[in-house]
């Protein structure tokens, strides 16, 4: 075992130790609110909701409409694939504790592998990526965005298209929005152009068939959306800024949507001026794993930011952007983005602490402003990618 592996091993142990101390001291629940019912804390609450839905479904109850088996009576908001499993009656210790821990530990190992912290700067990035409210909430709830993230990484590193295809089917049968990951087939070399295009089209067709059969369930989920909507302090969305800033600024309270989009447009202009054509995302990098992670993660963050009021553990896909930024941090714009992300993580942590300790949310206004700035920069990356993608496509056709 070389020195780098030994170093990463000790970083892993230190991470696990810190997470355990956060849980054992109960300070974790100061950072992320636990799911509590009848005075009992339900660790891995989102996984508990799935298990309870399986139980009720096997009793003949439509869990997309009601779920009395869940401590908080939460309806099932995932794919029907979970409901094919039998009710867990045996090995509860494994399924309620060990099973989530296996995936959380796997997530930490994957993030270590992707970031490969080797100096103080990269160590700071790694620890902020793990120890921030969104990632900690993801761990505490064991939300399946964690598995979608791992699936995305597997898609990038898998060599064969057939492996990617079946992985993608499993992923979007869990969460429908993950069809975004079908864009993995847009990364191709000349020899695989037709093959990738066929897999992309088949993926979209299967997704359409799945949506057709799940339409009634999706409609029930939509009608109960108020039940699953997060509070304004836990949203990653275009609506988050107006929800938290409307009671502080008159113009935003009167014109919330217009104000938010004008602000986003101004931030986009500022971002273009900062970038100044220095961003190198040419098609020569299409086959790089870090590049593919960057584009997939950026697409997820942008699309979900504009389409849904996401609970902010969806921000973990920002981690997928970090390997590319770190690899090419000598490029001025990417180094600037790394410093910005570090600053945003600090603000995020501080906003949560100040809200909890002093009941003031001004830093959350600033954090949501930073989210708009983050999205504007990711939009620039996707704009350049789209331009270069079509350039390559026309060369291949």
Protein backbone atom coordinates (compact mmCIF):
# COMPACT_ATOMS: atom_id res chain seq x y z
CA UNK A 1 0.00 0.00 0.00
CA UNK A 2 1.60 3.30 -1.11
CA UNK A 3 1.60 6.53 0.87
CA UNK A 4 -1.34 8.03 -1.04
CA UNK A 5 -3.56 5.02 -0.29
CA UNK A 6 -2.53 5.05 3.36
CA UNK A 7 -3.35 8.75 3.55
CA UNK A 8 -6.77 8.22 1.97
CA UNK A 9 -7.44 5.32 4.33
CA UNK A 10 -6.80 7.52 7.36
CA UNK A 11 -8.95 10.29 5.85
CA UNK A 12 -11.72 7.70 5.46
CA UNK A 13 -11.38 6.59 9.09
CA UNK A 14 -11.36 10.21 10.25
CA UNK A 15 -14.52 10.90 8.24
CA UNK A 16 -16.32 7.90 9.72
CA UNK A 17 -15.17 8.91 13.20
CA UNK A 18 -16.45 12.47 12.80
CA UNK A 19 -19.80 11.25 11.50
CA UNK A 20 -20.12 8.87 14.44
CA UNK A 21 -19.29 11.66 16.91
CA UNK A 22 -21.87 13.93 15.29
CA UNK A 23 -24.50 11.23 15.73
CA UNK A 24 -23.40 10.07 19.21
CA UNK A 25 -23.30 13.64 20.56
CA UNK A 26 -26.69 14.33 18.89
CA UNK A 27 -25.20 17.49 17.37
CA UNK A 28 -26.06 16.00 13.98
CA UNK A 29 -29.71 16.75 14.80
CA UNK A 30 -28.79 20.40 15.39
CA UNK A 31 -27.55 20.58 11.80
CA UNK A 32 -30.25 18.45 10.17
CA UNK A 33 -33.74 18.02 11.64
CA UNK A 34 -34.53 14.36 12.35
CA UNK A 35 -37.84 12.67 11.63
CA UNK A 36 -39.62 12.38 14.98
CA UNK A 37 -42.87 10.57 15.76
CA UNK A 38 -44.25 10.02 19.27
CA UNK A 39 -40.98 11.22 20.74
CA UNK A 40 -38.94 8.68 18.78
CA UNK A 41 -36.23 9.64 16.30
CA UNK A 42 -36.38 7.66 13.07
CA UNK A 43 -32.85 7.39 11.67
CA UNK A 44 -32.75 6.90 7.90
CA UNK A 45 -36.27 8.29 7.69
CA UNK A 46 -36.64 8.24 3.90
CA UNK A 47 -35.66 4.57 3.81
CA UNK A 48 -38.19 3.95 6.61
CA UNK A 49 -40.88 5.53 4.40
CA UNK A 50 -40.08 3.11 1.57
CA UNK A 51 -40.11 0.09 3.87
CA UNK A 52 -43.45 1.18 5.37
CA UNK A 53 -44.87 1.68 1.87
CA UNK A 54 -43.86 -1.88 0.95
CA UNK A 55 -45.68 -3.13 4.04
CA UNK A 56 -48.89 -1.22 3.30
CA UNK A 57 -48.78 -2.12 -0.40
CA UNK A 58 -48.62 -5.80 0.51
CA UNK A 59 -51.74 -5.21 2.60
CA UNK A 60 -53.56 -4.00 -0.50
CA UNK A 61 -53.36 -0.26 0.29
CA UNK A 62 -52.66 2.23 -2.50
CA UNK A 63 -49.57 3.85 -0.98
CA UNK A 64 -49.52 6.59 -3.62
CA UNK A 65 -52.77 7.80 -2.04
CA UNK A 66 -52.19 6.99 1.64
CA UNK A 67 -49.59 5.22 3.73
CA UNK A 68 -50.85 4.57 7.28
CA UNK A 69 -47.89 2.24 7.92
CA UNK A 70 -45.49 5.20 7.89
CA UNK A 71 -44.95 7.04 11.23
CA UNK A 72 -45.65 10.36 9.50
CA UNK A 73 -48.26 8.95 7.08
CA UNK A 74 -46.10 9.93 4.09
CA UNK A 75 -47.27 8.67 0.71
CA UNK A 76 -44.90 6.74 -1.56
CA UNK A 77 -43.11 9.15 -3.92
CA UNK A 78 -40.71 6.74 -5.60
CA UNK A 79 -41.08 4.23 -8.43
CA UNK A 80 -43.26 1.16 -8.12
CA UNK A 81 -40.18 -1.05 -8.39
CA UNK A 82 -39.75 -0.81 -4.61
CA UNK A 83 -43.24 -2.18 -4.05
CA UNK A 84 -42.27 -5.48 -5.69
CA UNK A 85 -40.22 -6.39 -2.61
CA UNK A 86 -41.73 -8.44 0.24
CA UNK A 87 -42.44 -6.90 3.65
CA UNK A 88 -39.34 -6.92 5.83
CA UNK A 89 -40.09 -9.16 8.78
CA UNK A 90 -36.69 -10.79 9.29
CA UNK A 91 -33.17 -9.36 9.51
CA UNK A 92 -34.53 -5.94 10.51
CA UNK A 93 -31.19 -4.95 12.06
CA UNK A 94 -29.50 -5.49 8.69
CA UNK A 95 -32.12 -3.75 6.56
CA UNK A 96 -32.76 -0.78 8.87
CA UNK A 97 -29.15 -0.11 9.90
CA UNK A 98 -26.46 -2.11 8.06
CA UNK A 99 -27.99 -1.76 4.58
CA UNK A 100 -28.07 2.09 4.68
CA UNK A 101 -24.59 2.19 6.26
CA UNK A 102 -23.16 0.09 3.41
CA UNK A 103 -24.32 2.67 0.86
CA UNK A 104 -23.23 5.65 2.97
CA UNK A 105 -19.75 4.16 3.41
CA UNK A 106 -19.64 3.38 -0.33
CA UNK A 107 -20.58 7.00 -1.05
CA UNK A 108 -17.74 8.30 1.12
CA UNK A 109 -15.25 5.95 -0.56
CA UNK A 110 -16.43 7.06 -4.03
CA UNK A 111 -16.13 10.76 -3.12
CA UNK A 112 -12.62 10.09 -1.79
CA UNK A 113 -11.75 8.35 -5.04
CA UNK A 114 -13.18 11.18 -7.15
CA UNK A 115 -11.62 14.10 -5.26
CA UNK A 116 -8.40 12.32 -4.22
CA UNK A 117 -7.46 14.91 -1.57
CA UNK A 118 -3.68 15.32 -1.68
CA UNK A 119 -3.06 18.81 -0.27
CA UNK A 120 -4.70 21.24 2.15
CA UNK A 121 -6.82 22.84 -0.58
CA UNK A 122 -8.31 19.53 -1.78
CA UNK A 123 -8.75 18.32 1.81
CA UNK A 124 -10.85 21.40 2.57
CA UNK A 125 -12.98 20.77 -0.52
CA UNK A 126 -13.47 17.12 0.44
CA UNK A 127 -14.49 17.77 4.05
CA UNK A 128 -16.83 20.60 3.10
CA UNK A 129 -18.41 18.34 0.46
CA UNK A 130 -19.13 15.75 3.17
CA UNK A 131 -19.77 17.94 6.23
CA UNK A 132 -22.42 20.36 5.03
CA UNK A 133 -26.18 20.37 5.75
CA UNK A 134 -27.22 18.86 2.40
CA UNK A 135 -24.88 15.86 2.50
CA UNK A 136 -25.47 15.28 6.21
CA UNK A 137 -29.22 15.37 5.63
CA UNK A 138 -28.77 12.87 2.81
CA UNK A 139 -26.94 10.55 5.21
CA UNK A 140 -29.38 11.04 8.07
CA UNK A 141 -32.42 10.38 5.91
CA UNK A 142 -30.70 7.84 3.62
CA UNK A 143 -32.44 9.41 0.68
CA UNK A 144 -32.10 7.54 -2.61
CA UNK A 145 -30.42 10.52 -4.28
CA UNK A 146 -27.34 8.94 -2.70
CA UNK A 147 -27.89 5.78 -4.76
CA UNK A 148 -28.66 7.84 -7.88
CA UNK A 149 -25.31 9.62 -7.39
CA UNK A 150 -23.49 6.28 -7.07
CA UNK A 151 -25.36 5.06 -10.14
CA UNK A 152 -24.25 8.13 -12.08
CA UNK A 153 -20.61 7.48 -11.18
CA UNK A 154 -21.00 3.84 -12.23
CA UNK A 155 -22.51 4.93 -15.56
CA UNK A 156 -19.50 7.13 -16.24
CA UNK A 157 -16.90 4.49 -15.41
CA UNK A 158 -18.70 1.50 -17.00
CA UNK A 159 -17.12 0.56 -20.31
CA UNK A 160 -19.92 -1.29 -22.10
CA UNK A 161 -23.10 0.41 -23.28
CA UNK A 162 -25.25 -2.58 -22.38
CA UNK A 163 -24.06 -2.29 -18.76
CA UNK A 164 -24.87 1.42 -18.77
CA UNK A 165 -28.27 0.73 -20.31
CA UNK A 166 -29.44 -1.74 -17.66
CA UNK A 167 -28.01 0.42 -14.88
CA UNK A 168 -29.94 3.37 -16.24
CA UNK A 169 -33.20 1.36 -16.33
CA UNK A 170 -32.79 0.45 -12.65
CA UNK A 171 -31.99 4.03 -11.69
CA UNK A 172 -34.91 5.74 -13.43
CA UNK A 173 -37.33 3.09 -12.19
CA UNK A 174 -36.41 4.35 -8.69
CA UNK A 175 -36.68 8.07 -9.40
CA UNK A 176 -38.19 9.17 -12.70
CA UNK A 177 -36.21 12.40 -13.01
CA UNK A 178 -32.99 10.37 -13.32
CA UNK A 179 -33.79 9.88 -17.01
CA UNK A 180 -31.56 12.95 -17.31
CA UNK A 181 -28.69 10.48 -16.98
CA UNK A 182 -29.59 8.98 -20.37
CA UNK A 183 -27.55 11.86 -21.74
CA UNK A 184 -24.52 9.67 -20.91
CA UNK A 185 -25.02 8.24 -24.40
CA UNK A 186 -24.31 11.67 -25.87
CA UNK A 187 -20.65 11.11 -25.03
CA UNK A 188 -19.34 9.09 -27.91
CA UNK A 189 -16.42 8.52 -30.17
CA UNK A 190 -16.82 8.13 -33.89
CA UNK A 191 -16.84 4.32 -33.75
CA UNK A 192 -19.76 4.24 -31.29
CA UNK A 193 -21.91 7.03 -32.71
CA UNK A 194 -24.72 4.81 -34.07
CA UNK A 195 -24.58 2.41 -31.11
CA UNK A 196 -24.85 5.21 -28.55
CA UNK A 197 -27.66 6.88 -30.48
CA UNK A 198 -29.63 3.60 -30.52
CA UNK A 199 -29.17 3.12 -26.76
CA UNK A 200 -30.23 6.71 -26.13
CA UNK A 201 -33.41 6.33 -28.19
CA UNK A 202 -34.30 2.98 -26.58
CA UNK A 203 -33.77 4.50 -23.12
CA UNK A 204 -36.16 7.34 -23.90
CA UNK A 205 -38.73 4.91 -25.31
CA UNK A 206 -38.61 2.67 -22.22
CA UNK A 207 -38.85 5.72 -19.98
CA UNK A 208 -41.96 6.87 -21.90
CA UNK A 209 -43.54 3.43 -21.47
CA UNK A 210 -42.76 3.51 -17.73
CA UNK A 211 -44.32 6.97 -17.38
CA UNK A 212 -47.42 5.73 -19.25
CA UNK A 213 -47.93 2.89 -16.77
CA UNK A 214 -47.09 5.08 -13.77
CA UNK A 215 -49.22 8.04 -14.86
CA UNK A 216 -52.00 7.52 -12.30
CA UNK A 217 -49.47 7.14 -9.49
CA UNK A 218 -47.65 10.29 -10.57
CA UNK A 219 -50.97 12.13 -10.62
CA UNK A 220 -51.67 11.05 -7.03
CA UNK A 221 -48.20 12.17 -5.97
CA UNK A 222 -48.76 15.55 -7.61
CA UNK A 223 -52.12 15.99 -5.83
CA UNK A 224 -50.40 15.32 -2.50
CA UNK A 225 -47.40 17.55 -3.26
CA UNK A 226 -48.13 19.79 -0.25
CA UNK A 227 -47.46 16.79 1.98
CA UNK A 228 -43.94 16.30 0.63
CA UNK A 229 -42.89 19.92 0.07
CA UNK A 230 -39.95 21.05 2.18
CA UNK A 231 -39.86 24.30 4.14
CA UNK A 232 -38.13 27.32 2.66
CA UNK A 233 -34.92 26.58 4.58
CA UNK A 234 -34.53 23.16 2.96
CA UNK A 235 -35.23 23.94 -0.68
CA UNK A 236 -32.83 23.92 -3.62
CA UNK A 237 -34.89 25.61 -6.32
CA UNK A 238 -35.40 28.78 -8.34
CA UNK A 239 -38.32 29.51 -6.00
CA UNK A 240 -36.18 29.34 -2.86
CA UNK A 241 -34.81 32.88 -3.14
CA UNK A 242 -38.21 34.54 -3.50
CA UNK A 243 -39.69 32.45 -0.67
CA UNK A 244 -37.05 33.51 1.81
CA UNK A 245 -36.35 37.04 0.58
CA UNK A 246 -39.92 38.22 -0.07
CA UNK A 247 -40.46 39.27 3.55
CA UNK A 248 -37.23 41.29 3.53
CA UNK A 249 -37.40 43.15 0.21
CA UNK A 250 -40.57 44.90 -0.95
CA UNK A 251 -39.78 44.61 -4.65
CA UNK A 252 -39.33 40.83 -4.36
CA UNK A 253 -42.58 40.45 -2.40
CA UNK A 254 -44.47 42.38 -5.11
CA UNK A 255 -42.77 40.84 -8.15
CA UNK A 256 -41.23 37.56 -6.92
CA UNK A 257 -40.86 35.70 -10.21
CA UNK A 258 -39.78 38.69 -12.29
CA UNK A 259 -37.29 39.83 -9.64
CA UNK A 260 -35.74 36.37 -9.35
CA UNK A 261 -35.30 35.90 -13.09
CA UNK A 262 -33.92 39.41 -13.59
CA UNK A 263 -31.42 38.70 -10.85
CA UNK A 264 -30.51 35.37 -12.46
CA UNK A 265 -30.05 37.09 -15.83
CA UNK A 266 -27.74 39.70 -14.28
CA UNK A 267 -25.72 36.97 -12.56
CA UNK A 268 -25.48 35.13 -15.85
CA UNK A 269 -24.02 38.24 -17.51
CA UNK A 270 -21.54 38.63 -14.65
CA UNK A 271 -20.58 34.96 -14.97
CA UNK A 272 -19.95 35.32 -18.72
CA UNK A 273 -17.74 38.33 -18.04
CA UNK A 274 -15.78 36.36 -15.45
CA UNK A 275 -15.41 33.41 -17.79
CA UNK A 276 -14.20 35.50 -20.78
CA UNK A 277 -13.95 32.51 -23.15
CA UNK A 278 -11.42 30.82 -20.87
CA UNK A 279 -13.50 27.70 -20.22
CA UNK A 280 -12.09 24.73 -22.10
CA UNK A 281 -14.87 22.17 -22.46
CA UNK A 282 -14.10 21.16 -26.02
CA UNK A 283 -15.21 17.86 -27.51
CA UNK A 284 -11.64 16.59 -27.15
CA UNK A 285 -12.54 16.07 -23.50
CA UNK A 286 -15.80 14.19 -24.14
CA UNK A 287 -14.24 10.83 -23.22
CA UNK A 288 -12.80 12.04 -19.92
CA UNK A 289 -14.62 10.63 -16.88
CA UNK A 290 -14.30 13.93 -15.01
CA UNK A 291 -15.85 15.78 -17.95
CA UNK A 292 -18.80 13.40 -18.18
CA UNK A 293 -19.42 13.69 -14.43
CA UNK A 294 -19.33 17.48 -14.77
CA UNK A 295 -21.92 17.57 -17.56
CA UNK A 296 -24.27 14.99 -16.03
CA UNK A 297 -24.11 16.66 -12.61
CA UNK A 298 -24.61 20.13 -14.12
CA UNK A 299 -27.61 18.95 -16.13
CA UNK A 300 -29.23 17.42 -13.04
CA UNK A 301 -28.61 20.52 -10.92
CA UNK A 302 -29.89 22.95 -13.56
CA UNK A 303 -32.97 20.98 -14.64
CA UNK A 304 -34.01 20.09 -11.11
CA UNK A 305 -33.36 23.67 -9.93
CA UNK A 306 -35.87 25.05 -12.43
CA UNK A 307 -38.44 22.24 -12.48
CA UNK A 308 -38.93 21.17 -8.85
CA UNK A 309 -38.80 22.47 -5.29
CA UNK A 310 -36.12 19.99 -4.30
CA UNK A 311 -35.10 19.18 -0.76
CA UNK A 312 -31.53 20.44 -0.70
CA UNK A 313 -29.86 17.05 -0.49
CA UNK A 314 -30.06 17.18 -4.29
CA UNK A 315 -27.11 19.56 -4.00
CA UNK A 316 -24.85 16.51 -3.57
CA UNK A 317 -24.62 16.38 -7.35
CA UNK A 318 -22.39 19.42 -7.04
CA UNK A 319 -19.77 16.91 -5.83
CA UNK A 320 -19.85 15.42 -9.33
CA UNK A 321 -18.54 18.74 -10.71
CA UNK A 322 -15.56 18.88 -8.36
CA UNK A 323 -13.22 16.31 -10.01
CA UNK A 324 -13.12 18.28 -13.27
CA UNK A 325 -12.62 21.59 -11.47
CA UNK A 326 -9.81 20.11 -9.36
CA UNK A 327 -8.14 18.38 -12.33
CA UNK A 328 -8.00 21.62 -14.34
CA UNK A 329 -7.73 24.11 -11.49
CA UNK A 330 -4.76 25.74 -13.21
CA UNK A 331 -7.32 27.26 -15.57
CA UNK A 332 -8.24 30.55 -13.97
CA UNK A 333 -12.01 30.29 -14.33
CA UNK A 334 -12.16 26.77 -12.86
CA UNK A 335 -9.99 27.75 -9.93
CA UNK A 336 -12.30 30.68 -9.33
CA UNK A 337 -15.26 28.26 -9.33
CA UNK A 338 -13.51 26.05 -6.76
CA UNK A 339 -12.97 29.02 -4.44
CA UNK A 340 -16.58 30.03 -4.96
CA UNK A 341 -17.84 26.53 -4.06
CA UNK A 342 -15.69 26.49 -0.90
CA UNK A 343 -17.10 29.89 0.08
CA UNK A 344 -20.64 28.70 -0.62
CA UNK A 345 -20.15 25.63 1.59
CA UNK A 346 -18.92 27.86 4.43
CA UNK A 347 -21.91 30.18 4.06
CA UNK A 348 -24.25 27.17 3.95
CA UNK A 349 -22.88 25.75 7.21
CA UNK A 350 -22.88 29.13 8.91
CA UNK A 351 -26.44 29.89 7.76
CA UNK A 352 -27.72 26.70 9.36
CA UNK A 353 -25.85 27.33 12.64
CA UNK A 354 -27.00 30.95 12.92
CA UNK A 355 -30.61 30.03 12.13
CA UNK A 356 -30.53 27.35 14.81
CA UNK A 357 -28.74 29.41 17.46
CA UNK A 358 -30.07 32.91 16.83
CA UNK A 359 -33.26 32.32 14.81
CA UNK A 360 -32.23 34.69 12.03
CA UNK A 361 -32.23 33.69 8.37
CA UNK A 362 -30.40 36.52 6.61
CA UNK A 363 -27.53 34.21 5.68
CA UNK A 364 -30.05 31.91 4.00
CA UNK A 365 -30.98 34.81 1.72
CA UNK A 366 -27.30 35.11 0.83
CA UNK A 367 -26.97 31.34 0.41
CA UNK A 368 -29.89 31.28 -2.04
CA UNK A 369 -28.33 34.19 -3.91
CA UNK A 370 -25.15 32.11 -4.19
CA UNK A 371 -27.29 29.25 -5.53
CA UNK A 372 -28.47 31.50 -8.35
CA UNK A 373 -24.87 32.42 -9.09
CA UNK A 374 -23.86 28.74 -9.03
CA UNK A 375 -26.61 27.81 -11.48
CA UNK A 376 -25.66 30.68 -13.78
CA UNK A 377 -22.11 29.32 -14.01
CA UNK A 378 -23.28 25.76 -14.57
CA UNK A 379 -25.53 27.08 -17.35
CA UNK A 380 -22.44 28.55 -19.02
CA UNK A 381 -20.75 25.15 -18.86
CA UNK A 382 -23.80 23.49 -20.47
CA UNK A 383 -24.01 26.20 -23.14
CA UNK A 384 -20.40 25.54 -24.15
CA UNK A 385 -20.95 21.79 -24.00
CA UNK A 386 -24.04 22.05 -26.23
CA UNK A 387 -22.18 24.18 -28.77
CA UNK A 388 -19.25 21.76 -28.92
CA UNK A 389 -21.54 18.73 -28.94
CA UNK A 390 -23.32 19.92 -32.07
CA UNK A 391 -20.00 20.74 -33.69
CA UNK A 392 -18.87 17.18 -33.13
CA UNK A 393 -22.25 15.74 -34.14
CA UNK A 394 -22.17 17.46 -37.51
CA UNK A 395 -18.63 16.20 -38.06
CA UNK A 396 -19.71 12.63 -37.40
CA UNK A 397 -22.94 12.62 -39.37
